[in-house]
């Protein structure tokens, strides 16, 4: 059974309906929402790291797919930094703390 799937289109941002966002957009609600997004990003990063670690246990995979395994690790790192940004008191100042150069540069508008 082939478990691979073709990526679908990116979901479009949800639009507010009849003032739903205005009533739910208290600062506390927004923080709780972003915290949940951050938690999910960290959970996915942990799952990705676990997958990468499992694959690294197979010498044949390790020898033939080192670059792809490194890409898996980079994906998890980026997710963790994005999660950190969502929880930062000042996301703009937090850009300087990002430990992945390409991601930090992207936030600074230096490419991506």
Protein backbone atom coordinates (compact mmCIF):
# COMPACT_ATOMS: atom_id res chain seq x y z
CA UNK A 1 0.00 0.00 0.00
CA UNK A 2 1.42 3.39 -1.00
CA UNK A 3 1.15 5.82 1.93
CA UNK A 4 2.54 8.76 -0.04
CA UNK A 5 0.11 11.48 -0.92
CA UNK A 6 0.26 14.38 -3.30
CA UNK A 7 0.21 17.70 -1.48
CA UNK A 8 -3.08 19.48 -1.85
CA UNK A 9 -3.58 23.19 -2.22
CA UNK A 10 -2.68 25.38 0.72
CA UNK A 11 -5.74 26.23 2.80
CA UNK A 12 -6.92 29.79 2.36
CA UNK A 13 -7.05 32.02 5.43
CA UNK A 14 -10.48 32.00 7.03
CA UNK A 15 -12.52 35.14 6.63
CA UNK A 16 -14.44 36.69 9.52
CA UNK A 17 -18.17 36.16 9.33
CA UNK A 18 -20.55 38.74 10.75
CA UNK A 19 -18.15 40.06 13.38
CA UNK A 20 -17.02 36.66 14.72
CA UNK A 21 -13.41 37.85 14.92
CA UNK A 22 -14.26 41.09 16.66
CA UNK A 23 -16.02 39.28 19.49
CA UNK A 24 -13.32 36.62 19.87
CA UNK A 25 -10.28 38.84 19.38
CA UNK A 26 -9.57 39.77 22.97
CA UNK A 27 -5.84 39.87 23.77
CA UNK A 28 -6.20 36.84 26.04
CA UNK A 29 -7.97 34.85 23.35
CA UNK A 30 -5.34 35.73 20.77
CA UNK A 31 -2.51 34.69 23.12
CA UNK A 32 -4.28 31.39 23.89
CA UNK A 33 -4.77 30.78 20.18
CA UNK A 34 -1.11 31.48 19.34
CA UNK A 35 0.02 29.32 22.27
CA UNK A 36 -2.00 26.42 20.88
CA UNK A 37 -0.46 26.92 17.43
CA UNK A 38 2.98 26.98 19.07
CA UNK A 39 2.24 23.77 20.97
CA UNK A 40 1.14 22.00 17.80
CA UNK A 41 4.26 23.16 15.92
CA UNK A 42 6.43 21.78 18.74
CA UNK A 43 4.51 18.47 18.73
CA UNK A 44 5.01 18.12 14.97
CA UNK A 45 8.71 18.97 15.35
CA UNK A 46 9.05 16.21 17.95
CA UNK A 47 7.34 13.74 15.60
CA UNK A 48 9.61 14.76 12.72
CA UNK A 49 12.73 14.42 14.91
CA UNK A 50 11.57 10.98 16.03
CA UNK A 51 11.06 9.92 12.42
CA UNK A 52 14.52 11.19 11.52
CA UNK A 53 16.09 9.39 14.50
CA UNK A 54 14.37 6.14 13.51
CA UNK A 55 15.64 6.47 9.96
CA UNK A 56 19.17 7.17 11.22
CA UNK A 57 19.15 3.78 12.96
CA UNK A 58 19.17 2.07 9.57
CA UNK A 59 22.75 2.18 8.23
CA UNK A 60 21.61 1.80 4.62
CA UNK A 61 19.25 4.77 4.95
CA UNK A 62 21.93 6.78 6.72
CA UNK A 63 24.52 6.16 4.00
CA UNK A 64 22.21 6.78 1.04
CA UNK A 65 20.06 9.61 2.39
CA UNK A 66 22.21 11.79 4.65
CA UNK A 67 21.18 15.02 2.92
CA UNK A 68 17.49 14.15 3.23
CA UNK A 69 17.94 13.24 6.91
CA UNK A 70 19.60 16.60 7.49
CA UNK A 71 16.63 18.25 5.76
CA UNK A 72 14.27 16.47 8.16
CA UNK A 73 16.26 17.89 11.07
CA UNK A 74 16.18 21.39 9.58
CA UNK A 75 12.38 21.19 9.17
CA UNK A 76 12.02 20.38 12.86
CA UNK A 77 14.39 23.21 13.84
CA UNK A 78 12.43 25.72 11.77
CA UNK A 79 9.18 24.59 13.34
CA UNK A 80 10.60 24.98 16.85
CA UNK A 81 11.81 28.51 16.06
CA UNK A 82 8.43 29.45 14.59
CA UNK A 83 6.80 28.12 17.75
CA UNK A 84 9.18 30.23 19.82
CA UNK A 85 8.32 33.30 17.76
CA UNK A 86 4.61 32.77 18.42
CA UNK A 87 5.24 32.75 22.18
CA UNK A 88 7.66 35.68 22.26
CA UNK A 89 6.67 38.82 24.14
CA UNK A 90 8.12 40.78 21.22
CA UNK A 91 8.27 38.68 18.04
CA UNK A 92 10.23 41.42 16.26
CA UNK A 93 13.03 41.32 18.84
CA UNK A 94 12.90 37.51 18.87
CA UNK A 95 14.07 37.44 15.24
CA UNK A 96 17.62 38.06 16.45
CA UNK A 97 17.49 34.87 18.55
CA UNK A 98 16.53 32.54 15.67
CA UNK A 99 19.20 29.85 15.40
CA UNK A 100 18.56 28.93 11.76
CA UNK A 101 20.36 31.46 9.57
CA UNK A 102 18.08 31.14 6.53
CA UNK A 103 14.95 31.55 8.65
CA UNK A 104 16.38 34.57 10.49
CA UNK A 105 17.34 36.14 7.15
CA UNK A 106 13.86 35.57 5.81
CA UNK A 107 12.29 37.42 8.74
CA UNK A 108 14.74 40.24 8.16
CA UNK A 109 13.68 40.42 4.51
CA UNK A 110 17.08 39.25 3.30
CA UNK A 111 15.77 36.45 1.09
CA UNK A 112 14.10 33.16 1.66
